[in-house]
Amino acid sequence: MLSLIVLLVVLPVVVVLLNNVLKEANAITGSIDRITAAARAGSKDLDAAPLLLTTQQQVRDTVANVAAYGGSLDVIVDDA
């Protein structure tokens, strides 16, 4: 009798639960694919990071040139 109750009550519940777990596990693969694509796109953006060192040096040079130009203007304007 107990075996029959287990067979008729517990087994269908276990099957439904396992089926739901399988559906959710399959749904995760779509999210993983989207995350993978986003990570690849993000890593391509980082390929230009070494150029920042060149840009920083160019900014320093530009600031130095502007400061020198401003100093020259100060001398010219004071003389006039």
Protein backbone atom coordinates (compact mmCIF):
# COMPACT_ATOMS: atom_id res chain seq x y z
CA MET A 1 0.00 0.00 0.00
CA LEU A 2 2.78 2.40 0.94
CA SER A 3 4.57 1.68 -2.34
CA LEU A 4 1.43 2.55 -4.26
CA ILE A 5 1.10 5.89 -2.42
CA VAL A 6 4.74 6.69 -3.14
CA LEU A 7 4.28 5.75 -6.76
CA LEU A 8 1.10 7.77 -7.26
CA VAL A 9 1.95 10.85 -5.17
CA VAL A 10 5.68 11.30 -4.77
CA LEU A 11 6.84 10.19 -8.21
CA PRO A 12 4.73 12.73 -10.18
CA VAL A 13 5.89 15.52 -7.85
CA VAL A 14 9.52 14.52 -8.37
CA VAL A 15 9.02 14.40 -12.14
CA VAL A 16 7.41 17.87 -12.19
CA LEU A 17 10.18 19.33 -10.04
CA LEU A 18 12.92 17.79 -12.17
CA ASN A 19 11.20 19.05 -15.32
CA ASN A 20 11.11 22.61 -13.89
CA VAL A 21 14.78 22.41 -12.96
CA LEU A 22 15.61 21.24 -16.50
CA LYS A 23 13.64 24.14 -18.05
CA GLU A 24 15.46 26.70 -15.89
CA ALA A 25 18.84 25.14 -16.64
CA ASN A 26 18.13 25.39 -20.37
CA ALA A 27 17.00 29.02 -19.97
CA ILE A 28 20.35 29.94 -18.41
CA THR A 29 22.24 29.11 -21.61
CA GLY A 30 20.69 32.09 -23.41
CA SER A 31 21.86 34.40 -20.64
CA ILE A 32 25.32 32.90 -20.74
CA ASP A 33 25.53 33.51 -24.48
CA ARG A 34 24.54 37.17 -24.02
CA ILE A 35 27.06 37.63 -21.21
CA THR A 36 29.78 36.04 -23.33
CA ALA A 37 29.04 38.39 -26.24
CA ALA A 38 29.10 41.42 -23.94
CA ALA A 39 32.41 40.33 -22.40
CA ARG A 40 33.98 39.90 -25.84
CA ALA A 41 32.79 43.35 -26.91
CA GLY A 42 34.13 44.84 -23.68
CA SER A 43 37.54 43.26 -24.15
CA LYS A 44 37.78 44.79 -27.64
CA ASP A 45 37.34 48.21 -26.03
CA LEU A 46 40.38 47.53 -23.85
CA ASP A 47 42.61 46.95 -26.89
CA ALA A 48 43.12 50.73 -27.16
CA ALA A 49 44.27 51.11 -23.53
CA PRO A 50 48.01 51.34 -24.44
CA LEU A 51 47.20 54.41 -26.53
CA LEU A 52 46.28 56.21 -23.30
CA LEU A 53 49.96 56.43 -22.39
CA THR A 54 50.67 58.27 -25.66
CA THR A 55 47.65 60.50 -25.09
CA GLN A 56 48.79 61.38 -21.57
CA GLN A 57 52.22 62.42 -22.87
CA GLN A 58 50.63 64.52 -25.61
CA VAL A 59 48.46 66.28 -23.03
CA ARG A 60 51.52 67.04 -20.89
CA ASP A 61 53.36 68.44 -23.93
CA THR A 62 50.34 70.55 -24.92
CA VAL A 63 49.95 71.95 -21.41
CA ALA A 64 53.65 72.81 -21.30
CA ASN A 65 53.42 74.57 -24.68
CA VAL A 66 50.33 76.52 -23.63
CA ALA A 67 52.04 77.53 -20.39
CA ALA A 68 55.13 78.69 -22.32
CA TYR A 69 52.92 80.61 -24.76
CA GLY A 70 51.04 82.21 -21.87
CA GLY A 71 54.33 83.22 -20.28
CA SER A 72 55.49 84.78 -23.56
CA LEU A 73 52.24 86.69 -23.88
CA ASP A 74 52.67 87.97 -20.36
CA VAL A 75 56.09 89.34 -21.23
CA ILE A 76 54.85 90.88 -24.52
CA VAL A 77 51.80 92.50 -22.93
CA ASP A 78 53.86 93.89 -20.03
CA ASP A 79 56.32 95.44 -22.50
CA ALA A 80 53.58 97.07 -24.57
